[in-house]
PDB file of N, CA and C in Angstrom:
ATOM      1  N   UNK A   1     -13.783  21.345 -20.458  1.00  0.00           N
ATOM      2  CA  UNK A   1     -12.859  21.990 -19.626  1.00  0.00           C
ATOM      3  C   UNK A   1     -12.276  20.374 -19.169  1.00  0.00           C
ATOM      4  N   UNK A   2     -10.983  19.982 -19.459  1.00  0.00           N
ATOM      5  CA  UNK A   2     -10.457  18.724 -18.694  1.00  0.00           C
ATOM      6  C   UNK A   2      -9.145  18.391 -18.129  1.00  0.00           C
ATOM      7  N   UNK A   3      -9.827  17.728 -16.769  1.00  0.00           N
ATOM      8  CA  UNK A   3      -8.746  17.452 -15.421  1.00  0.00           C
ATOM      9  C   UNK A   3      -8.240  16.577 -15.780  1.00  0.00           C
ATOM     10  N   UNK A   4      -7.443  16.052 -15.070  1.00  0.00           N
ATOM     11  CA  UNK A   4      -6.538  14.846 -14.609  1.00  0.00           C
ATOM     12  C   UNK A   4      -7.047  14.718 -13.430  1.00  0.00           C
ATOM     13  N   UNK A   5      -7.154  13.988 -12.844  1.00  0.00           N
ATOM     14  CA  UNK A   5      -7.185  13.427 -11.350  1.00  0.00           C
ATOM     15  C   UNK A   5      -6.573  11.948 -11.412  1.00  0.00           C
ATOM     16  N   UNK A   6      -5.510  12.002 -10.558  1.00  0.00           N
ATOM     17  CA  UNK A   6      -4.485  11.397  -9.451  1.00  0.00           C
ATOM     18  C   UNK A   6      -5.008  10.957  -8.013  1.00  0.00           C
ATOM     19  N   UNK A   7      -4.931   9.950  -8.209  1.00  0.00           N
ATOM     20  CA  UNK A   7      -5.363   8.897  -7.046  1.00  0.00           C
ATOM     21  C   UNK A   7      -4.098   8.260  -6.307  1.00  0.00           C
ATOM     22  N   UNK A   8      -3.816   8.374  -5.098  1.00  0.00           N
ATOM     23  CA  UNK A   8      -2.502   7.485  -4.324  1.00  0.00           C
ATOM     24  C   UNK A   8      -2.909   6.720  -3.331  1.00  0.00           C
ATOM     25  N   UNK A   9      -3.138   5.805  -2.635  1.00  0.00           N
ATOM     26  CA  UNK A   9      -3.314   4.620  -1.452  1.00  0.00           C
ATOM     27  C   UNK A   9      -2.035   4.827  -1.113  1.00  0.00           C
ATOM     28  N   UNK A  10      -1.737   4.432   0.383  1.00  0.00           N
ATOM     29  CA  UNK A  10      -0.732   4.380   1.262  1.00  0.00           C
ATOM     30  C   UNK A  10      -1.781   3.187   2.231  1.00  0.00           C
ATOM     31  N   UNK A  11      -1.117   1.922   2.596  1.00  0.00           N
ATOM     32  CA  UNK A  11      -0.697   0.972   3.395  1.00  0.00           C
ATOM     33  C   UNK A  11      -0.194   1.002   4.333  1.00  0.00           C
ATOM     34  N   UNK A  12      -0.054   1.296   6.077  1.00  0.00           N
ATOM     35  CA  UNK A  12       0.580   0.896   6.648  1.00  0.00           C
ATOM     36  C   UNK A  12       0.066   0.096   7.676  1.00  0.00           C
ATOM     37  N   UNK A  13       0.928  -1.146   7.891  1.00  0.00           N
ATOM     38  CA  UNK A  13       0.543  -2.477   9.220  1.00  0.00           C
ATOM     39  C   UNK A  13       1.148  -2.250   9.520  1.00  0.00           C
ATOM     40  N   UNK A  14       1.169  -2.135  11.014  1.00  0.00           N
ATOM     41  CA  UNK A  14       1.963  -2.561  12.330  1.00  0.00           C
ATOM     42  C   UNK A  14       2.081  -4.490  12.417  1.00  0.00           C
ATOM     43  N   UNK A  15       2.855  -5.087  12.431  1.00  0.00           N
ATOM     44  CA  UNK A  15       2.864  -6.177  12.820  1.00  0.00           C
ATOM     45  C   UNK A  15       4.393  -6.355  13.451  1.00  0.00           C
ATOM     46  N   UNK A  16       3.773  -5.748  14.961  1.00  0.00           N
ATOM     47  CA  UNK A  16       5.375  -6.383  16.216  1.00  0.00           C
ATOM     48  C   UNK A  16       5.608  -7.936  16.502  1.00  0.00           C
ATOM     49  N   UNK A  17       4.492  -8.489  16.359  1.00  0.00           N
ATOM     50  CA  UNK A  17       4.708  -9.759  16.561  1.00  0.00           C
ATOM     51  C   UNK A  17       4.936 -10.734  15.641  1.00  0.00           C
ATOM     52  N   UNK A  18       5.376 -10.751  14.808  1.00  0.00           N
ATOM     53  CA  UNK A  18       5.368 -12.039  14.028  1.00  0.00           C
ATOM     54  C   UNK A  18       6.225 -13.130  14.135  1.00  0.00           C
ATOM     55  N   UNK A  19       5.723 -14.452  14.103  1.00  0.00           N
ATOM     56  CA  UNK A  19       6.003 -15.339  14.881  1.00  0.00           C
ATOM     57  C   UNK A  19       7.366 -15.938  13.817  1.00  0.00           C
ATOM     58  N   UNK A  20       7.143 -16.034  12.501  1.00  0.00           N
ATOM     59  CA  UNK A  20       8.539 -16.191  11.750  1.00  0.00           C
ATOM     60  C   UNK A  20       8.913 -14.914  10.907  1.00  0.00           C
ATOM     61  N   UNK A  21       9.976 -14.143  10.899  1.00  0.00           N
ATOM     62  CA  UNK A  21       9.976 -12.990  10.536  1.00  0.00           C
ATOM     63  C   UNK A  21      11.032 -12.917   9.581  1.00  0.00           C
ATOM     64  N   UNK A  22      11.197 -14.151   8.801  1.00  0.00           N
ATOM     65  CA  UNK A  22      11.770 -14.686   7.452  1.00  0.00           C
ATOM     66  C   UNK A  22      10.796 -14.484   6.498  1.00  0.00           C
ATOM     67  N   UNK A  23       9.449 -14.750   7.012  1.00  0.00           N
ATOM     68  CA  UNK A  23       8.155 -14.607   6.103  1.00  0.00           C
ATOM     69  C   UNK A  23       7.213 -13.202   6.000  1.00  0.00           C
ATOM     70  N   UNK A  24       7.525 -12.838   4.732  1.00  0.00           N
ATOM     71  CA  UNK A  24       7.153 -11.585   4.540  1.00  0.00           C
ATOM     72  C   UNK A  24       5.364 -11.245   4.447  1.00  0.00           C
ATOM     73  N   UNK A  25       3.907 -10.354   5.267  1.00  0.00           N
ATOM     74  CA  UNK A  25       3.175 -10.916   4.969  1.00  0.00           C
ATOM     75  C   UNK A  25       3.125 -10.555   3.153  1.00  0.00           C
ATOM     76  N   UNK A  26       1.680 -10.917   3.224  1.00  0.00           N
ATOM     77  CA  UNK A  26       1.212 -11.168   1.525  1.00  0.00           C
ATOM     78  C   UNK A  26      -0.245  -9.928   1.396  1.00  0.00           C
ATOM     79  N   UNK A  27      -0.098  -9.841   0.469  1.00  0.00           N
ATOM     80  CA  UNK A  27      -1.624  -8.842  -0.192  1.00  0.00           C
ATOM     81  C   UNK A  27      -2.137  -9.392  -1.477  1.00  0.00           C
ATOM     82  N   UNK A  28      -3.683  -9.721  -1.577  1.00  0.00           N
ATOM     83  CA  UNK A  28      -4.127 -10.071  -2.595  1.00  0.00           C
ATOM     84  C   UNK A  28      -5.573  -9.322  -2.852  1.00  0.00           C
ATOM     85  N   UNK A  29      -6.083  -9.687  -4.217  1.00  0.00           N
ATOM     86  CA  UNK A  29      -6.504  -8.444  -4.721  1.00  0.00           C
ATOM     87  C   UNK A  29      -7.711  -9.171  -5.695  1.00  0.00           C
ATOM     88  N   UNK A  30      -9.341  -9.229  -5.336  1.00  0.00           N
ATOM     89  CA  UNK A  30     -10.297  -9.732  -5.868  1.00  0.00           C
ATOM     90  C   UNK A  30     -11.065  -8.657  -6.031  1.00  0.00           C
ATOM     91  N   UNK A  31     -12.124  -8.854  -6.835  1.00  0.00           N
ATOM     92  CA  UNK A  31     -12.807  -8.313  -7.584  1.00  0.00           C
ATOM     93  C   UNK A  31     -14.171  -8.243  -6.591  1.00  0.00           C
ATOM     94  N   UNK A  32     -14.922  -7.294  -6.367  1.00  0.00           N
ATOM     95  CA  UNK A  32     -16.441  -7.623  -5.707  1.00  0.00           C
ATOM     96  C   UNK A  32     -17.235  -7.991  -6.461  1.00  0.00           C
ATOM     97  N   UNK A  33     -18.154  -9.076  -6.038  1.00  0.00           N
ATOM     98  CA  UNK A  33     -18.944  -9.897  -6.789  1.00  0.00           C
ATOM     99  C   UNK A  33     -20.347  -9.173  -6.963  1.00  0.00           C
ATOM    100  N   UNK A  34     -20.670  -8.167  -5.911  1.00  0.00           N
ATOM    101  CA  UNK A  34     -22.169  -7.492  -5.749  1.00  0.00           C
ATOM    102  C   UNK A  34     -22.102  -6.328  -6.656  1.00  0.00           C
ATOM    103  N   UNK A  35     -20.547  -5.693  -6.411  1.00  0.00           N
ATOM    104  CA  UNK A  35     -20.472  -4.527  -7.022  1.00  0.00           C
ATOM    105  C   UNK A  35     -19.053  -4.455  -7.874  1.00  0.00           C
ATOM    106  N   UNK A  36     -19.309  -4.452  -9.208  1.00  0.00           N
ATOM    107  CA  UNK A  36     -17.479  -4.579 -10.359  1.00  0.00           C
ATOM    108  C   UNK A  36     -16.398  -3.624 -10.020  1.00  0.00           C
ATOM    109  N   UNK A  37     -17.078  -2.179  -9.846  1.00  0.00           N
ATOM    110  CA  UNK A  37     -16.266  -0.506  -9.238  1.00  0.00           C
ATOM    111  C   UNK A  37     -15.740  -0.913  -8.214  1.00  0.00           C
ATOM    112  N   UNK A  38     -15.543  -1.831  -7.148  1.00  0.00           N
ATOM    113  CA  UNK A  38     -15.294  -1.898  -6.578  1.00  0.00           C
ATOM    114  C   UNK A  38     -14.112  -3.394  -6.200  1.00  0.00           C
ATOM    115  N   UNK A  39     -13.292  -3.463  -5.446  1.00  0.00           N
ATOM    116  CA  UNK A  39     -12.380  -4.582  -5.309  1.00  0.00           C
ATOM    117  C   UNK A  39     -11.782  -4.606  -3.604  1.00  0.00           C
ATOM    118  N   UNK A  40     -11.624  -5.782  -2.874  1.00  0.00           N
ATOM    119  CA  UNK A  40     -11.146  -6.171  -1.883  1.00  0.00           C
ATOM    120  C   UNK A  40      -9.522  -6.450  -1.840  1.00  0.00           C
ATOM    121  N   UNK A  41      -9.006  -5.419  -0.956  1.00  0.00           N
ATOM    122  CA  UNK A  41      -7.557  -5.736  -1.143  1.00  0.00           C
ATOM    123  C   UNK A  41      -7.467  -6.289   0.500  1.00  0.00           C
ATOM    124  N   UNK A  42      -6.989  -8.088   0.355  1.00  0.00           N
ATOM    125  CA  UNK A  42      -6.841  -8.381   1.465  1.00  0.00           C
ATOM    126  C   UNK A  42      -4.693  -8.313   1.972  1.00  0.00           C
ATOM    127  N   UNK A  43      -4.943  -8.042   3.272  1.00  0.00           N
ATOM    128  CA  UNK A  43      -3.675  -8.613   3.790  1.00  0.00           C
ATOM    129  C   UNK A  43      -3.029  -9.834   4.091  1.00  0.00           C
ATOM    130  N   UNK A  44      -2.334 -10.603   4.110  1.00  0.00           N
ATOM    131  CA  UNK A  44      -2.602 -11.626   5.651  1.00  0.00           C
ATOM    132  C   UNK A  44      -0.916 -11.654   5.894  1.00  0.00           C
ATOM    133  N   UNK A  45      -0.656 -11.643   6.861  1.00  0.00           N
ATOM    134  CA  UNK A  45       0.322 -12.363   8.062  1.00  0.00           C
ATOM    135  C   UNK A  45       0.778 -13.195   8.518  1.00  0.00           C
ATOM    136  N   UNK A  46      -0.251 -14.021   8.654  1.00  0.00           N
ATOM    137  CA  UNK A  46      -0.504 -15.263   9.539  1.00  0.00           C
ATOM    138  C   UNK A  46      -0.128 -14.792  11.334  1.00  0.00           C
ATOM    139  N   UNK A  47      -0.108 -16.263  11.689  1.00  0.00           N
ATOM    140  CA  UNK A  47      -0.176 -16.447  13.194  1.00  0.00           C
ATOM    141  C   UNK A  47       0.738 -15.103  14.107  1.00  0.00           C
ATOM    142  N   UNK A  48       0.471 -14.430  15.014  1.00  0.00           N
ATOM    143  CA  UNK A  48      -1.312 -14.151  16.038  1.00  0.00           C
ATOM    144  C   UNK A  48      -1.720 -12.972  15.254  1.00  0.00           C
ATOM    145  N   UNK A  49      -1.784 -12.876  13.817  1.00  0.00           N
ATOM    146  CA  UNK A  49      -2.251 -11.626  13.237  1.00  0.00           C
ATOM    147  C   UNK A  49      -3.441 -12.383  12.361  1.00  0.00           C
ATOM    148  N   UNK A  50      -4.552 -11.823  12.514  1.00  0.00           N
ATOM    149  CA  UNK A  50      -6.048 -12.267  11.705  1.00  0.00           C
ATOM    150  C   UNK A  50      -5.649 -10.986  10.342  1.00  0.00           C
ATOM    151  N   UNK A  51      -6.590 -11.757   9.262  1.00  0.00           N
ATOM    152  CA  UNK A  51      -6.331 -11.177   7.694  1.00  0.00           C
ATOM    153  C   UNK A  51      -6.901 -10.038   8.123  1.00  0.00           C
ATOM    154  N   UNK A  52      -6.527  -8.686   7.486  1.00  0.00           N
ATOM    155  CA  UNK A  52      -6.931  -7.313   7.154  1.00  0.00           C
ATOM    156  C   UNK A  52      -7.732  -7.195   5.609  1.00  0.00           C
ATOM    157  N   UNK A  53      -8.898  -6.609   5.684  1.00  0.00           N
ATOM    158  CA  UNK A  53      -9.444  -6.639   4.495  1.00  0.00           C
ATOM    159  C   UNK A  53      -9.698  -4.652   4.324  1.00  0.00           C
ATOM    160  N   UNK A  54      -9.793  -4.147   2.949  1.00  0.00           N
ATOM    161  CA  UNK A  54     -10.014  -2.934   2.821  1.00  0.00           C
ATOM    162  C   UNK A  54     -10.703  -2.907   1.510  1.00  0.00           C
ATOM    163  N   UNK A  55     -11.951  -2.374   1.046  1.00  0.00           N
ATOM    164  CA  UNK A  55     -12.567  -2.255   0.184  1.00  0.00           C
ATOM    165  C   UNK A  55     -12.101  -0.995  -0.604  1.00  0.00           C
ATOM    166  N   UNK A  56     -11.794  -1.208  -2.072  1.00  0.00           N
ATOM    167  CA  UNK A  56     -11.052  -0.018  -3.012  1.00  0.00           C
ATOM    168  C   UNK A  56     -11.777  -0.063  -3.759  1.00  0.00           C
ATOM    169  N   UNK A  57     -11.588   1.023  -4.633  1.00  0.00           N
ATOM    170  CA  UNK A  57     -11.895   1.333  -5.939  1.00  0.00           C
ATOM    171  C   UNK A  57     -11.188   0.473  -6.750  1.00  0.00           C
ATOM    172  N   UNK A  58     -12.224  -0.311  -8.223  1.00  0.00           N
ATOM    173  CA  UNK A  58     -11.047  -1.301  -9.351  1.00  0.00           C
ATOM    174  C   UNK A  58     -10.878  -0.241 -10.609  1.00  0.00           C
ATOM    175  N   UNK A  59      -9.499   0.008 -10.180  1.00  0.00           N
ATOM    176  CA  UNK A  59      -9.376   1.540 -10.918  1.00  0.00           C
ATOM    177  C   UNK A  59      -7.856   0.408 -11.031  1.00  0.00           C
ATOM    178  N   UNK A  60      -6.779   0.631 -12.688  1.00  0.00           N
ATOM    179  CA  UNK A  60      -5.634  -0.053 -13.124  1.00  0.00           C
ATOM    180  C   UNK A  60      -4.202   0.966 -11.720  1.00  0.00           C
ATOM    181  N   UNK A  61      -3.920   0.097 -11.183  1.00  0.00           N
ATOM    182  CA  UNK A  61      -2.468   0.508 -11.007  1.00  0.00           C
ATOM    183  C   UNK A  61      -1.619   1.040 -11.948  1.00  0.00           C
ATOM    184  N   UNK A  62      -1.121   2.183 -11.553  1.00  0.00           N
ATOM    185  CA  UNK A  62       0.307   2.786 -12.479  1.00  0.00           C
ATOM    186  C   UNK A  62       1.581   1.992 -11.937  1.00  0.00           C
ATOM    187  N   UNK A  63       2.257   1.317 -12.529  1.00  0.00           N
ATOM    188  CA  UNK A  63       3.494   0.951 -12.242  1.00  0.00           C
ATOM    189  C   UNK A  63       4.755   1.774 -13.121  1.00  0.00           C
ATOM    190  N   UNK A  64       4.045   2.930 -13.206  1.00  0.00           N
ATOM    191  CA  UNK A  64       5.595   3.280 -14.268  1.00  0.00           C
ATOM    192  C   UNK A  64       6.644   3.888 -13.063  1.00  0.00           C
ATOM    193  N   UNK A  65       7.626   4.104 -13.374  1.00  0.00           N
ATOM    194  CA  UNK A  65       8.875   4.285 -12.915  1.00  0.00           C
ATOM    195  C   UNK A  65       8.701   6.163 -12.014  1.00  0.00           C
ATOM    196  N   UNK A  66       8.020   6.882 -12.647  1.00  0.00           N
ATOM    197  CA  UNK A  66       7.781   8.123 -11.603  1.00  0.00           C
ATOM    198  C   UNK A  66       6.871   7.911 -10.613  1.00  0.00           C
ATOM    199  N   UNK A  67       6.078   6.722 -10.429  1.00  0.00           N
ATOM    200  CA  UNK A  67       5.011   6.704  -9.705  1.00  0.00           C
ATOM    201  C   UNK A  67       5.282   5.209  -8.933  1.00  0.00           C
ATOM    202  N   UNK A  68       5.981   5.541  -7.923  1.00  0.00           N
ATOM    203  CA  UNK A  68       6.641   4.395  -7.309  1.00  0.00           C
ATOM    204  C   UNK A  68       5.604   3.527  -6.926  1.00  0.00           C
ATOM    205  N   UNK A  69       5.996   2.239  -7.028  1.00  0.00           N
ATOM    206  CA  UNK A  69       4.610   1.286  -6.588  1.00  0.00           C
ATOM    207  C   UNK A  69       5.638   0.589  -5.679  1.00  0.00           C
ATOM    208  N   UNK A  70       5.652   0.155  -4.070  1.00  0.00           N
ATOM    209  CA  UNK A  70       6.060  -0.466  -3.156  1.00  0.00           C
ATOM    210  C   UNK A  70       5.340  -1.151  -2.332  1.00  0.00           C
ATOM    211  N   UNK A  71       5.781  -2.359  -1.914  1.00  0.00           N
ATOM    212  CA  UNK A  71       5.648  -3.261  -1.371  1.00  0.00           C
ATOM    213  C   UNK A  71       6.626  -4.323  -0.171  1.00  0.00           C
ATOM    214  N   UNK A  72       7.005  -3.611   0.827  1.00  0.00           N
ATOM    215  CA  UNK A  72       7.663  -4.268   1.659  1.00  0.00           C
ATOM    216  C   UNK A  72       7.479  -4.209   2.916  1.00  0.00           C
ATOM    217  N   UNK A  73       8.163  -4.687   3.657  1.00  0.00           N
ATOM    218  CA  UNK A  73       8.322  -4.638   5.186  1.00  0.00           C
ATOM    219  C   UNK A  73       9.573  -4.413   5.658  1.00  0.00           C
ATOM    220  N   UNK A  74       9.093  -3.645   6.906  1.00  0.00           N
ATOM    221  CA  UNK A  74      10.473  -2.905   7.833  1.00  0.00           C
ATOM    222  C   UNK A  74      10.364  -2.376   8.656  1.00  0.00           C
ATOM    223  N   UNK A  75      10.965  -3.110  10.104  1.00  0.00           N
ATOM    224  CA  UNK A  75      11.051  -2.783  11.376  1.00  0.00           C
ATOM    225  C   UNK A  75       9.532  -2.716  11.981  1.00  0.00           C
ATOM    226  N   UNK A  76       9.017  -4.101  10.862  1.00  0.00           N
ATOM    227  CA  UNK A  76       7.790  -4.280  11.391  1.00  0.00           C
ATOM    228  C   UNK A  76       6.328  -4.008  11.164  1.00  0.00           C
ATOM    229  N   UNK A  77       6.736  -2.960  10.272  1.00  0.00           N
ATOM    230  CA  UNK A  77       5.455  -1.981   9.235  1.00  0.00           C
ATOM    231  C   UNK A  77       5.861  -2.538   8.045  1.00  0.00           C
ATOM    232  N   UNK A  78       4.439  -3.236   7.474  1.00  0.00           N
ATOM    233  CA  UNK A  78       4.331  -3.199   6.383  1.00  0.00           C
ATOM    234  C   UNK A  78       3.774  -2.326   5.501  1.00  0.00           C
ATOM    235  N   UNK A  79       4.263  -2.003   4.275  1.00  0.00           N
ATOM    236  CA  UNK A  79       4.191  -1.039   3.804  1.00  0.00           C
ATOM    237  C   UNK A  79       3.732  -1.295   2.204  1.00  0.00           C
ATOM    238  N   UNK A  80       2.521  -0.781   1.457  1.00  0.00           N
ATOM    239  CA  UNK A  80       1.776  -1.109   0.103  1.00  0.00           C
ATOM    240  C   UNK A  80       1.602   0.480  -0.157  1.00  0.00           C
ATOM    241  N   UNK A  81       2.465   1.194  -0.911  1.00  0.00           N
ATOM    242  CA  UNK A  81       2.185   2.272  -1.733  1.00  0.00           C
ATOM    243  C   UNK A  81       1.950   2.214  -3.207  1.00  0.00           C
ATOM    244  N   UNK A  82       0.533   2.237  -3.828  1.00  0.00           N
ATOM    245  CA  UNK A  82       0.005   2.281  -5.360  1.00  0.00           C
ATOM    246  C   UNK A  82      -0.533   3.454  -5.459  1.00  0.00           C
ATOM    247  N   UNK A  83      -0.356   3.422  -6.617  1.00  0.00           N
ATOM    248  CA  UNK A  83      -0.765   4.982  -7.488  1.00  0.00           C
ATOM    249  C   UNK A  83      -2.100   4.106  -8.229  1.00  0.00           C
ATOM    250  N   UNK A  84      -3.349   5.058  -8.543  1.00  0.00           N
ATOM    251  CA  UNK A  84      -4.286   4.477  -9.450  1.00  0.00           C
ATOM    252  C   UNK A  84      -3.508   5.340 -10.951  1.00  0.00           C
ATOM    253  N   UNK A  85      -3.851   4.271 -12.215  1.00  0.00           N
ATOM    254  CA  UNK A  85      -3.668   5.196 -12.812  1.00  0.00           C
ATOM    255  C   UNK A  85      -4.677   6.172 -13.751  1.00  0.00           C
ATOM    256  N   UNK A  86      -4.003   7.686 -13.870  1.00  0.00           N
ATOM    257  CA  UNK A  86      -4.834   8.628 -14.302  1.00  0.00           C
ATOM    258  C   UNK A  86      -5.741   8.757 -15.018  1.00  0.00           C
ATOM    259  N   UNK A  87      -7.123   9.445 -14.435  1.00  0.00           N
ATOM    260  CA  UNK A  87      -8.525   9.324 -15.227  1.00  0.00           C
ATOM    261  C   UNK A  87      -8.471  10.760 -16.115  1.00  0.00           C
ATOM    262  N   UNK A  88      -9.017  10.894 -17.063  1.00  0.00           N
ATOM    263  CA  UNK A  88      -9.177  12.124 -17.533  1.00  0.00           C
ATOM    264  C   UNK A  88     -10.886  12.569 -17.081  1.00  0.00           C
ATOM    265  N   UNK A  89     -10.696  13.820 -16.513  1.00  0.00           N
ATOM    266  CA  UNK A  89     -12.336  14.142 -15.746  1.00  0.00           C
ATOM    267  C   UNK A  89     -13.010  15.365 -16.698  1.00  0.00           C
ATOM    268  N   UNK A  90     -14.103  14.744 -17.261  1.00  0.00           N
ATOM    269  CA  UNK A  90     -14.846  16.096 -18.542  1.00  0.00           C
ATOM    270  C   UNK A  90     -15.888  16.626 -17.898  1.00  0.00           C
ATOM    271  N   UNK A  91     -16.308  17.859 -17.574  1.00  0.00           N
ATOM    272  CA  UNK A  91     -16.712  18.431 -17.261  1.00  0.00           C
ATOM    273  C   UNK A  91     -17.831  18.486 -17.922  1.00  0.00           C
TER     274      UNK A  91
END
């Protein structure tokens, strides 16, 4: 029996007090040195905010048209929507 598993992650970070409203917060992805199955997703917005980091699985992102990839800021909320590429699961 073969099943496909789909994973989606949505990050919504609230930045109400950004000093420079024209500069968009950024994110970076680095592979964990101790365990290559995971990566660190780090968000940087600048003062007065500190960086925020999340540990996520190291899988390829699906950027196809049917799986919308979003990375934008609107009304002080930075949103990152990502879908991981479907993996076949076999029992």
